[in-house]
Amino acid sequence: MDMKLKKAEDVSTASLVVTGLIGGWLTARETGIRPLGGVVLALAGGYATRSWWKKSGPVPAIGLLGTYIGAFGLSHPLAKKIGAWPAVLAVTTVASGAACVLNDIND
């Protein structure tokens, strides 16, 4: 079996952002092991950043990574105000939308 990463330019990073934020949250919630959710978050974010850097350059990549990390950080206080699911969905929508507009469809 051939195990190679997809070319960075061909990766849909918006879907990786969704996977990292929602998948990380669900992993932590369902396993009860918060660091495991962090692993999902970090892996998806790292893989997305690889594509942002290669396709869009360092400035957009740093901005998108900041948006991704900021979304994660903002979801916690936002969850106290509107609930966990709405908070995670709201920040994921913003971060994945930014990835889509700034990286995935900029051809």
PDB file of N, CA and C in Angstrom:
ATOM      1  N   MET A   1       0.837  -1.165   0.000  1.00  0.00           N
ATOM      2  CA  MET A   1       0.000   0.000   0.000  1.00  0.00           C
ATOM      3  C   MET A   1       0.888   1.236   0.000  1.00  0.00           C
ATOM      4  N   ASP A   2       0.557   2.175  -0.884  1.00  0.00           N
ATOM      5  CA  ASP A   2       1.309   3.413  -1.002  1.00  0.00           C
ATOM      6  C   ASP A   2       0.749   4.450  -0.039  1.00  0.00           C
ATOM      7  N   MET A   3       1.586   4.893   0.883  1.00  0.00           N
ATOM      8  CA  MET A   3       1.127   5.871   1.874  1.00  0.00           C
ATOM      9  C   MET A   3       1.876   7.185   1.687  1.00  0.00           C
ATOM     10  N   LYS A   4       1.267   8.090   0.908  1.00  0.00           N
ATOM     11  CA  LYS A   4       1.858   9.398   0.686  1.00  0.00           C
ATOM     12  C   LYS A   4       0.804  10.462   0.959  1.00  0.00           C
ATOM     13  N   LEU A   5       1.256  11.581   1.473  1.00  0.00           N
ATOM     14  CA  LEU A   5       0.347  12.702   1.676  1.00  0.00           C
ATOM     15  C   LEU A   5      -0.058  13.271   0.330  1.00  0.00           C
ATOM     16  N   LYS A   6      -1.269  13.745   0.251  1.00  0.00           N
ATOM     17  CA  LYS A   6      -1.766  14.442  -0.922  1.00  0.00           C
ATOM     18  C   LYS A   6      -0.919  15.701  -1.117  1.00  0.00           C
ATOM     19  N   LYS A   7      -0.746  16.130  -2.366  1.00  0.00           N
ATOM     20  CA  LYS A   7      -0.014  17.366  -2.616  1.00  0.00           C
ATOM     21  C   LYS A   7      -0.698  18.513  -1.879  1.00  0.00           C
ATOM     22  N   ALA A   8       0.087  19.360  -1.259  1.00  0.00           N
ATOM     23  CA  ALA A   8      -0.447  20.446  -0.433  1.00  0.00           C
ATOM     24  C   ALA A   8      -1.437  21.315  -1.197  1.00  0.00           C
ATOM     25  N   GLU A   9      -1.177  21.541  -2.464  1.00  0.00           N
ATOM     26  CA  GLU A   9      -2.046  22.401  -3.275  1.00  0.00           C
ATOM     27  C   GLU A   9      -3.409  21.783  -3.534  1.00  0.00           C
ATOM     28  N   ASP A  10      -3.545  20.479  -3.357  1.00  0.00           N
ATOM     29  CA  ASP A  10      -4.784  19.767  -3.679  1.00  0.00           C
ATOM     30  C   ASP A  10      -5.676  19.493  -2.460  1.00  0.00           C
ATOM     31  N   VAL A  11      -5.274  19.963  -1.299  1.00  0.00           N
ATOM     32  CA  VAL A  11      -6.006  19.674  -0.066  1.00  0.00           C
ATOM     33  C   VAL A  11      -7.094  20.718   0.164  1.00  0.00           C
ATOM     34  N   SER A  12      -8.299  20.270   0.507  1.00  0.00           N
ATOM     35  CA  SER A  12      -9.387  21.164   0.895  1.00  0.00           C
ATOM     36  C   SER A  12      -9.219  21.498   2.372  1.00  0.00           C
ATOM     37  N   THR A  13      -8.718  22.677   2.641  1.00  0.00           N
ATOM     38  CA  THR A  13      -8.398  23.011   4.027  1.00  0.00           C
ATOM     39  C   THR A  13      -9.630  23.367   4.850  1.00  0.00           C
ATOM     40  N   ALA A  14     -10.689  23.820   4.204  1.00  0.00           N
ATOM     41  CA  ALA A  14     -11.914  24.114   4.963  1.00  0.00           C
ATOM     42  C   ALA A  14     -12.422  22.846   5.638  1.00  0.00           C
ATOM     43  N   SER A  15     -12.359  21.734   4.939  1.00  0.00           N
ATOM     44  CA  SER A  15     -12.809  20.476   5.548  1.00  0.00           C
ATOM     45  C   SER A  15     -11.872  20.025   6.667  1.00  0.00           C
ATOM     46  N   LEU A  16     -10.600  20.345   6.565  1.00  0.00           N
ATOM     47  CA  LEU A  16      -9.668  20.029   7.654  1.00  0.00           C
ATOM     48  C   LEU A  16      -9.971  20.869   8.895  1.00  0.00           C
ATOM     49  N   VAL A  17     -10.343  22.122   8.679  1.00  0.00           N
ATOM     50  CA  VAL A  17     -10.705  22.984   9.806  1.00  0.00           C
ATOM     51  C   VAL A  17     -11.938  22.413  10.512  1.00  0.00           C
ATOM     52  N   VAL A  18     -12.918  21.986   9.734  1.00  0.00           N
ATOM     53  CA  VAL A  18     -14.116  21.371  10.313  1.00  0.00           C
ATOM     54  C   VAL A  18     -13.736  20.114  11.092  1.00  0.00           C
ATOM     55  N   THR A  19     -12.885  19.292  10.494  1.00  0.00           N
ATOM     56  CA  THR A  19     -12.443  18.058  11.147  1.00  0.00           C
ATOM     57  C   THR A  19     -11.719  18.360  12.456  1.00  0.00           C
ATOM     58  N   GLY A  20     -10.836  19.341  12.442  1.00  0.00           N
ATOM     59  CA  GLY A  20     -10.071  19.671  13.642  1.00  0.00           C
ATOM     60  C   GLY A  20     -10.919  20.228  14.762  1.00  0.00           C
ATOM     61  N   LEU A  21     -11.770  21.190  14.438  1.00  0.00           N
ATOM     62  CA  LEU A  21     -12.548  21.845  15.487  1.00  0.00           C
ATOM     63  C   LEU A  21     -13.708  20.982  15.984  1.00  0.00           C
ATOM     64  N   ILE A  22     -14.508  20.484  15.075  1.00  0.00           N
ATOM     65  CA  ILE A  22     -15.638  19.653  15.515  1.00  0.00           C
ATOM     66  C   ILE A  22     -15.156  18.268  15.932  1.00  0.00           C
ATOM     67  N   GLY A  23     -14.256  17.687  15.153  1.00  0.00           N
ATOM     68  CA  GLY A  23     -13.740  16.354  15.482  1.00  0.00           C
ATOM     69  C   GLY A  23     -12.962  16.338  16.782  1.00  0.00           C
ATOM     70  N   GLY A  24     -12.175  17.381  17.017  1.00  0.00           N
ATOM     71  CA  GLY A  24     -11.433  17.469  18.276  1.00  0.00           C
ATOM     72  C   GLY A  24     -12.360  17.604  19.465  1.00  0.00           C
ATOM     73  N   TRP A  25     -13.379  18.449  19.311  1.00  0.00           N
ATOM     74  CA  TRP A  25     -14.340  18.635  20.389  1.00  0.00           C
ATOM     75  C   TRP A  25     -15.102  17.339  20.675  1.00  0.00           C
ATOM     76  N   LEU A  26     -15.577  16.678  19.619  1.00  0.00           N
ATOM     77  CA  LEU A  26     -16.310  15.426  19.816  1.00  0.00           C
ATOM     78  C   LEU A  26     -15.431  14.331  20.414  1.00  0.00           C
ATOM     79  N   THR A  27     -14.185  14.269  19.960  1.00  0.00           N
ATOM     80  CA  THR A  27     -13.269  13.266  20.500  1.00  0.00           C
ATOM     81  C   THR A  27     -13.068  13.470  21.993  1.00  0.00           C
ATOM     82  N   ALA A  28     -12.829  14.710  22.393  1.00  0.00           N
ATOM     83  CA  ALA A  28     -12.638  15.007  23.819  1.00  0.00           C
ATOM     84  C   ALA A  28     -13.908  14.713  24.614  1.00  0.00           C
ATOM     85  N   ARG A  29     -15.038  15.109  24.066  1.00  0.00           N
ATOM     86  CA  ARG A  29     -16.306  14.911  24.774  1.00  0.00           C
ATOM     87  C   ARG A  29     -16.665  13.439  24.924  1.00  0.00           C
ATOM     88  N   GLU A  30     -16.535  12.688  23.867  1.00  0.00           N
ATOM     89  CA  GLU A  30     -16.973  11.292  23.890  1.00  0.00           C
ATOM     90  C   GLU A  30     -15.998  10.352  24.588  1.00  0.00           C
ATOM     91  N   THR A  31     -14.717  10.663  24.553  1.00  0.00           N
ATOM     92  CA  THR A  31     -13.750   9.799  25.244  1.00  0.00           C
ATOM     93  C   THR A  31     -13.523  10.239  26.681  1.00  0.00           C
ATOM     94  N   GLY A  32     -13.808  11.521  26.958  1.00  0.00           N
ATOM     95  CA  GLY A  32     -13.500  12.063  28.270  1.00  0.00           C
ATOM     96  C   GLY A  32     -12.022  12.368  28.436  1.00  0.00           C
ATOM     97  N   ILE A  33     -11.271  12.249  27.358  1.00  0.00           N
ATOM     98  CA  ILE A  33      -9.826  12.499  27.389  1.00  0.00           C
ATOM     99  C   ILE A  33      -9.558  13.761  26.577  1.00  0.00           C
ATOM    100  N   ARG A  34      -9.524  14.893  27.251  1.00  0.00           N
ATOM    101  CA  ARG A  34      -9.360  16.174  26.559  1.00  0.00           C
ATOM    102  C   ARG A  34      -8.087  16.252  25.722  1.00  0.00           C
ATOM    103  N   PRO A  35      -6.954  15.733  26.197  1.00  0.00           N
ATOM    104  CA  PRO A  35      -5.754  15.798  25.360  1.00  0.00           C
ATOM    105  C   PRO A  35      -5.903  15.042  24.033  1.00  0.00           C
ATOM    106  N   LEU A  36      -6.716  13.996  24.018  1.00  0.00           N
ATOM    107  CA  LEU A  36      -6.937  13.276  22.765  1.00  0.00           C
ATOM    108  C   LEU A  36      -7.661  14.172  21.758  1.00  0.00           C
ATOM    109  N   GLY A  37      -8.614  14.961  22.225  1.00  0.00           N
ATOM    110  CA  GLY A  37      -9.254  15.948  21.359  1.00  0.00           C
ATOM    111  C   GLY A  37      -8.247  16.969  20.857  1.00  0.00           C
ATOM    112  N   GLY A  38      -7.300  17.336  21.702  1.00  0.00           N
ATOM    113  CA  GLY A  38      -6.234  18.250  21.304  1.00  0.00           C
ATOM    114  C   GLY A  38      -5.336  17.673  20.228  1.00  0.00           C
ATOM    115  N   VAL A  39      -5.133  16.369  20.268  1.00  0.00           N
ATOM    116  CA  VAL A  39      -4.334  15.710  19.228  1.00  0.00           C
ATOM    117  C   VAL A  39      -5.038  15.833  17.880  1.00  0.00           C
ATOM    118  N   VAL A  40      -6.349  15.573  17.854  1.00  0.00           N
ATOM    119  CA  VAL A  40      -7.123  15.704  16.617  1.00  0.00           C
ATOM    120  C   VAL A  40      -7.041  17.146  16.118  1.00  0.00           C
ATOM    121  N   LEU A  41      -7.238  18.104  17.012  1.00  0.00           N
ATOM    122  CA  LEU A  41      -7.161  19.518  16.681  1.00  0.00           C
ATOM    123  C   LEU A  41      -5.790  19.871  16.092  1.00  0.00           C
ATOM    124  N   ALA A  42      -4.726  19.421  16.734  1.00  0.00           N
ATOM    125  CA  ALA A  42      -3.367  19.750  16.288  1.00  0.00           C
ATOM    126  C   ALA A  42      -3.014  19.102  14.951  1.00  0.00           C
ATOM    127  N   LEU A  43      -3.387  17.846  14.783  1.00  0.00           N
ATOM    128  CA  LEU A  43      -3.073  17.170  13.521  1.00  0.00           C
ATOM    129  C   LEU A  43      -3.780  17.816  12.334  1.00  0.00           C
ATOM    130  N   ALA A  44      -5.055  18.095  12.491  1.00  0.00           N
ATOM    131  CA  ALA A  44      -5.804  18.732  11.405  1.00  0.00           C
ATOM    132  C   ALA A  44      -5.262  20.134  11.127  1.00  0.00           C
ATOM    133  N   GLY A  45      -4.965  20.876  12.179  1.00  0.00           N
ATOM    134  CA  GLY A  45      -4.414  22.220  12.009  1.00  0.00           C
ATOM    135  C   GLY A  45      -3.047  22.217  11.360  1.00  0.00           C
ATOM    136  N   GLY A  46      -2.219  21.264  11.742  1.00  0.00           N
ATOM    137  CA  GLY A  46      -0.896  21.152  11.129  1.00  0.00           C
ATOM    138  C   GLY A  46      -0.962  20.801   9.653  1.00  0.00           C
ATOM    139  N   TYR A  47      -1.843  19.883   9.320  1.00  0.00           N
ATOM    140  CA  TYR A  47      -1.999  19.473   7.921  1.00  0.00           C
ATOM    141  C   TYR A  47      -2.572  20.620   7.088  1.00  0.00           C
ATOM    142  N   ALA A  48      -3.529  21.359   7.645  1.00  0.00           N
ATOM    143  CA  ALA A  48      -4.088  22.513   6.940  1.00  0.00           C
ATOM    144  C   ALA A  48      -3.029  23.598   6.761  1.00  0.00           C
ATOM    145  N   THR A  49      -2.243  23.853   7.790  1.00  0.00           N
ATOM    146  CA  THR A  49      -1.215  24.883   7.713  1.00  0.00           C
ATOM    147  C   THR A  49      -0.195  24.567   6.628  1.00  0.00           C
ATOM    148  N   ARG A  50       0.141  23.319   6.476  1.00  0.00           N
ATOM    149  CA  ARG A  50       1.045  22.889   5.400  1.00  0.00           C
ATOM    150  C   ARG A  50       0.495  23.343   4.058  1.00  0.00           C
ATOM    151  N   SER A  51      -0.783  23.165   3.830  1.00  0.00           N
ATOM    152  CA  SER A  51      -1.398  23.553   2.567  1.00  0.00           C
ATOM    153  C   SER A  51      -1.523  25.072   2.443  1.00  0.00           C
ATOM    154  N   TRP A  52      -1.894  25.743   3.533  1.00  0.00           N
ATOM    155  CA  TRP A  52      -1.992  27.202   3.483  1.00  0.00           C
ATOM    156  C   TRP A  52      -0.650  27.813   3.114  1.00  0.00           C
ATOM    157  N   TRP A  53       0.395  27.314   3.718  1.00  0.00           N
ATOM    158  CA  TRP A  53       1.738  27.853   3.490  1.00  0.00           C
ATOM    159  C   TRP A  53       2.154  27.645   2.036  1.00  0.00           C
ATOM    160  N   LYS A  54       1.947  26.451   1.540  1.00  0.00           N
ATOM    161  CA  LYS A  54       2.377  26.108   0.179  1.00  0.00           C
ATOM    162  C   LYS A  54       1.542  26.832  -0.875  1.00  0.00           C
ATOM    163  N   LYS A  55       0.240  26.889  -0.684  1.00  0.00           N
ATOM    164  CA  LYS A  55      -0.646  27.435  -1.707  1.00  0.00           C
ATOM    165  C   LYS A  55      -0.782  28.952  -1.637  1.00  0.00           C
ATOM    166  N   SER A  56      -0.854  29.510  -0.435  1.00  0.00           N
ATOM    167  CA  SER A  56      -1.137  30.937  -0.288  1.00  0.00           C
ATOM    168  C   SER A  56       0.036  31.767   0.218  1.00  0.00           C
ATOM    169  N   GLY A  57       1.051  31.132   0.763  1.00  0.00           N
ATOM    170  CA  GLY A  57       2.205  31.853   1.273  1.00  0.00           C
ATOM    171  C   GLY A  57       2.162  32.037   2.782  1.00  0.00           C
ATOM    172  N   PRO A  58       3.252  32.603   3.329  1.00  0.00           N
ATOM    173  CA  PRO A  58       3.379  32.685   4.786  1.00  0.00           C
ATOM    174  C   PRO A  58       2.384  33.625   5.472  1.00  0.00           C
ATOM    175  N   VAL A  59       2.100  34.775   4.903  1.00  0.00           N
ATOM    176  CA  VAL A  59       1.211  35.730   5.581  1.00  0.00           C
ATOM    177  C   VAL A  59      -0.214  35.174   5.698  1.00  0.00           C
ATOM    178  N   PRO A  60      -0.831  34.702   4.606  1.00  0.00           N
ATOM    179  CA  PRO A  60      -2.155  34.097   4.767  1.00  0.00           C
ATOM    180  C   PRO A  60      -2.126  32.850   5.664  1.00  0.00           C
ATOM    181  N   ALA A  61      -1.072  32.068   5.572  1.00  0.00           N
ATOM    182  CA  ALA A  61      -0.976  30.856   6.394  1.00  0.00           C
ATOM    183  C   ALA A  61      -0.965  31.205   7.877  1.00  0.00           C
ATOM    184  N   ILE A  62      -0.192  32.213   8.245  1.00  0.00           N
ATOM    185  CA  ILE A  62      -0.131  32.629   9.641  1.00  0.00           C
ATOM    186  C   ILE A  62      -1.479  33.195  10.083  1.00  0.00           C
ATOM    187  N   GLY A  63      -2.118  33.964   9.214  1.00  0.00           N
ATOM    188  CA  GLY A  63      -3.437  34.507   9.529  1.00  0.00           C
ATOM    189  C   GLY A  63      -4.486  33.420   9.700  1.00  0.00           C
ATOM    190  N   LEU A  64      -4.471  32.436   8.812  1.00  0.00           N
ATOM    191  CA  LEU A  64      -5.437  31.340   8.909  1.00  0.00           C
ATOM    192  C   LEU A  64      -5.172  30.470  10.130  1.00  0.00           C
ATOM    193  N   LEU A  65      -3.909  30.232  10.435  1.00  0.00           N
ATOM    194  CA  LEU A  65      -3.586  29.470  11.640  1.00  0.00           C
ATOM    195  C   LEU A  65      -4.045  30.234  12.882  1.00  0.00           C
ATOM    196  N   GLY A  66      -3.844  31.547  12.888  1.00  0.00           N
ATOM    197  CA  GLY A  66      -4.318  32.361  14.001  1.00  0.00           C
ATOM    198  C   GLY A  66      -5.836  32.308  14.138  1.00  0.00           C
ATOM    199  N   THR A  67      -6.524  32.296  13.000  1.00  0.00           N
ATOM    200  CA  THR A  67      -7.988  32.178  13.016  1.00  0.00           C
ATOM    201  C   THR A  67      -8.409  30.831  13.578  1.00  0.00           C
ATOM    202  N   TYR A  68      -7.710  29.781  13.178  1.00  0.00           N
ATOM    203  CA  TYR A  68      -8.008  28.421  13.646  1.00  0.00           C
ATOM    204  C   TYR A  68      -7.804  28.312  15.156  1.00  0.00           C
ATOM    205  N   ILE A  69      -6.666  28.775  15.619  1.00  0.00           N
ATOM    206  CA  ILE A  69      -6.372  28.716  17.056  1.00  0.00           C
ATOM    207  C   ILE A  69      -7.311  29.640  17.833  1.00  0.00           C
ATOM    208  N   GLY A  70      -7.575  30.819  17.269  1.00  0.00           N
ATOM    209  CA  GLY A  70      -8.497  31.750  17.906  1.00  0.00           C
ATOM    210  C   GLY A  70      -9.904  31.184  18.022  1.00  0.00           C
ATOM    211  N   ALA A  71     -10.330  30.461  16.980  1.00  0.00           N
ATOM    212  CA  ALA A  71     -11.662  29.831  17.014  1.00  0.00           C
ATOM    213  C   ALA A  71     -11.739  28.824  18.152  1.00  0.00           C
ATOM    214  N   PHE A  72     -10.685  28.038  18.302  1.00  0.00           N
ATOM    215  CA  PHE A  72     -10.642  27.070  19.395  1.00  0.00           C
ATOM    216  C   PHE A  72     -10.735  27.792  20.744  1.00  0.00           C
ATOM    217  N   GLY A  73      -9.929  28.829  20.903  1.00  0.00           N
ATOM    218  CA  GLY A  73      -9.924  29.563  22.164  1.00  0.00           C
ATOM    219  C   GLY A  73     -11.239  30.277  22.443  1.00  0.00           C
ATOM    220  N   LEU A  74     -11.852  30.839  21.413  1.00  0.00           N
ATOM    221  CA  LEU A  74     -13.106  31.559  21.578  1.00  0.00           C
ATOM    222  C   LEU A  74     -14.279  30.635  21.865  1.00  0.00           C
ATOM    223  N   SER A  75     -14.185  29.392  21.412  1.00  0.00           N
ATOM    224  CA  SER A  75     -15.310  28.473  21.608  1.00  0.00           C
ATOM    225  C   SER A  75     -15.589  28.208  23.087  1.00  0.00           C
ATOM    226  N   HIS A  76     -14.574  28.267  23.921  1.00  0.00           N
ATOM    227  CA  HIS A  76     -14.752  27.974  25.342  1.00  0.00           C
ATOM    228  C   HIS A  76     -15.589  29.032  26.066  1.00  0.00           C
ATOM    229  N   PRO A  77     -15.226  30.311  26.010  1.00  0.00           N
ATOM    230  CA  PRO A  77     -16.078  31.294  26.675  1.00  0.00           C
ATOM    231  C   PRO A  77     -17.437  31.448  25.981  1.00  0.00           C
ATOM    232  N   LEU A  78     -17.464  31.269  24.667  1.00  0.00           N
ATOM    233  CA  LEU A  78     -18.725  31.368  23.943  1.00  0.00           C
ATOM    234  C   LEU A  78     -19.679  30.245  24.360  1.00  0.00           C
ATOM    235  N   ALA A  79     -19.141  29.073  24.646  1.00  0.00           N
ATOM    236  CA  ALA A  79     -19.976  27.944  25.075  1.00  0.00           C
ATOM    237  C   ALA A  79     -20.700  28.245  26.384  1.00  0.00           C
ATOM    238  N   LYS A  80     -20.090  29.027  27.233  1.00  0.00           N
ATOM    239  CA  LYS A  80     -20.741  29.385  28.506  1.00  0.00           C
ATOM    240  C   LYS A  80     -21.939  30.307  28.280  1.00  0.00           C
ATOM    241  N   LYS A  81     -21.937  31.025  27.166  1.00  0.00           N
ATOM    242  CA  LYS A  81     -23.028  31.962  26.878  1.00  0.00           C
ATOM    243  C   LYS A  81     -24.134  31.347  26.028  1.00  0.00           C
ATOM    244  N   ILE A  82     -23.746  30.517  25.023  1.00  0.00           N
ATOM    245  CA  ILE A  82     -24.769  30.013  24.093  1.00  0.00           C
ATOM    246  C   ILE A  82     -24.867  28.490  24.049  1.00  0.00           C
ATOM    247  N   GLY A  83     -23.994  27.797  24.767  1.00  0.00           N
ATOM    248  CA  GLY A  83     -23.995  26.336  24.761  1.00  0.00           C
ATOM    249  C   GLY A  83     -22.867  25.784  23.913  1.00  0.00           C
ATOM    250  N   ALA A  84     -22.492  24.552  24.189  1.00  0.00           N
ATOM    251  CA  ALA A  84     -21.336  23.946  23.536  1.00  0.00           C
ATOM    252  C   ALA A  84     -21.528  23.772  22.032  1.00  0.00           C
ATOM    253  N   TRP A  85     -22.610  23.083  21.636  1.00  0.00           N
ATOM    254  CA  TRP A  85     -22.822  22.844  20.200  1.00  0.00           C
ATOM    255  C   TRP A  85     -22.895  24.139  19.408  1.00  0.00           C
ATOM    256  N   PRO A  86     -23.728  25.101  19.806  1.00  0.00           N
ATOM    257  CA  PRO A  86     -23.785  26.342  19.030  1.00  0.00           C
ATOM    258  C   PRO A  86     -22.439  27.063  18.958  1.00  0.00           C
ATOM    259  N   ALA A  87     -21.685  27.035  20.049  1.00  0.00           N
ATOM    260  CA  ALA A  87     -20.381  27.703  20.065  1.00  0.00           C
ATOM    261  C   ALA A  87     -19.416  27.042  19.099  1.00  0.00           C
ATOM    262  N   VAL A  88     -19.329  25.731  19.160  1.00  0.00           N
ATOM    263  CA  VAL A  88     -18.412  25.010  18.273  1.00  0.00           C
ATOM    264  C   VAL A  88     -18.816  25.200  16.808  1.00  0.00           C
ATOM    265  N   LEU A  89     -20.102  25.147  16.532  1.00  0.00           N
ATOM    266  CA  LEU A  89     -20.569  25.340  15.154  1.00  0.00           C
ATOM    267  C   LEU A  89     -20.300  26.767  14.672  1.00  0.00           C
ATOM    268  N   ALA A  90     -20.484  27.745  15.541  1.00  0.00           N
ATOM    269  CA  ALA A  90     -20.262  29.141  15.145  1.00  0.00           C
ATOM    270  C   ALA A  90     -18.798  29.406  14.808  1.00  0.00           C
ATOM    271  N   VAL A  91     -17.898  29.007  15.684  1.00  0.00           N
ATOM    272  CA  VAL A  91     -16.477  29.284  15.419  1.00  0.00           C
ATOM    273  C   VAL A  91     -15.966  28.448  14.250  1.00  0.00           C
ATOM    274  N   THR A  92     -16.495  27.248  14.088  1.00  0.00           N
ATOM    275  CA  THR A  92     -16.088  26.407  12.965  1.00  0.00           C
ATOM    276  C   THR A  92     -16.545  27.015  11.646  1.00  0.00           C
ATOM    277  N   THR A  93     -17.739  27.579  11.629  1.00  0.00           N
ATOM    278  CA  THR A  93     -18.237  28.229  10.420  1.00  0.00           C
ATOM    279  C   THR A  93     -17.337  29.386  10.001  1.00  0.00           C
ATOM    280  N   VAL A  94     -16.952  30.204  10.953  1.00  0.00           N
ATOM    281  CA  VAL A  94     -16.091  31.351  10.653  1.00  0.00           C
ATOM    282  C   VAL A  94     -14.714  30.884  10.170  1.00  0.00           C
ATOM    283  N   ALA A  95     -14.096  29.964  10.895  1.00  0.00           N
ATOM    284  CA  ALA A  95     -12.742  29.524  10.549  1.00  0.00           C
ATOM    285  C   ALA A  95     -12.703  28.752   9.236  1.00  0.00           C
ATOM    286  N   SER A  96     -13.671  27.874   9.011  1.00  0.00           N
ATOM    287  CA  SER A  96     -13.676  27.112   7.755  1.00  0.00           C
ATOM    288  C   SER A  96     -14.044  28.014   6.581  1.00  0.00           C
ATOM    289  N   GLY A  97     -14.912  28.999   6.815  1.00  0.00           N
ATOM    290  CA  GLY A  97     -15.237  29.963   5.766  1.00  0.00           C
ATOM    291  C   GLY A  97     -14.015  30.768   5.359  1.00  0.00           C
ATOM    292  N   ALA A  98     -13.231  31.194   6.336  1.00  0.00           N
ATOM    293  CA  ALA A  98     -11.996  31.924   6.039  1.00  0.00           C
ATOM    294  C   ALA A  98     -11.027  31.058   5.243  1.00  0.00           C
ATOM    295  N   ALA A  99     -10.884  29.803   5.631  1.00  0.00           N
ATOM    296  CA  ALA A  99      -9.990  28.893   4.899  1.00  0.00           C
ATOM    297  C   ALA A  99     -10.455  28.714   3.460  1.00  0.00           C
ATOM    298  N   CYS A 100     -11.753  28.579   3.286  1.00  0.00           N
ATOM    299  CA  CYS A 100     -12.310  28.395   1.953  1.00  0.00           C
ATOM    300  C   CYS A 100     -12.044  29.618   1.084  1.00  0.00           C
ATOM    301  N   VAL A 101     -12.360  30.804   1.592  1.00  0.00           N
ATOM    302  CA  VAL A 101     -12.241  32.029   0.805  1.00  0.00           C
ATOM    303  C   VAL A 101     -10.780  32.414   0.570  1.00  0.00           C
ATOM    304  N   LEU A 102      -9.953  32.315   1.600  1.00  0.00           N
ATOM    305  CA  LEU A 102      -8.570  32.789   1.491  1.00  0.00           C
ATOM    306  C   LEU A 102      -7.598  31.774   0.902  1.00  0.00           C
ATOM    307  N   ASN A 103      -7.996  30.493   0.880  1.00  0.00           N
ATOM    308  CA  ASN A 103      -7.056  29.491   0.386  1.00  0.00           C
ATOM    309  C   ASN A 103      -7.662  28.544  -0.641  1.00  0.00           C
ATOM    310  N   ASP A 104      -8.796  27.986  -0.341  1.00  0.00           N
ATOM    311  CA  ASP A 104      -9.306  26.901  -1.181  1.00  0.00           C
ATOM    312  C   ASP A 104      -9.842  27.363  -2.527  1.00  0.00           C
ATOM    313  N   ILE A 105     -10.402  28.577  -2.607  1.00  0.00           N
ATOM    314  CA  ILE A 105     -10.964  29.016  -3.880  1.00  0.00           C
ATOM    315  C   ILE A 105     -10.250  30.247  -4.431  1.00  0.00           C
ATOM    316  N   ASN A 106      -8.995  30.425  -4.122  1.00  0.00           N
ATOM    317  CA  ASN A 106      -8.286  31.612  -4.587  1.00  0.00           C
ATOM    318  C   ASN A 106      -7.575  31.410  -5.919  1.00  0.00           C
ATOM    319  N   ASP A 107      -7.959  30.425  -6.655  1.00  0.00           N
ATOM    320  CA  ASP A 107      -7.321  30.198  -7.962  1.00  0.00           C
ATOM    321  C   ASP A 107      -7.800  31.145  -9.016  1.00  0.00           C
TER     322      ASP A 107
END
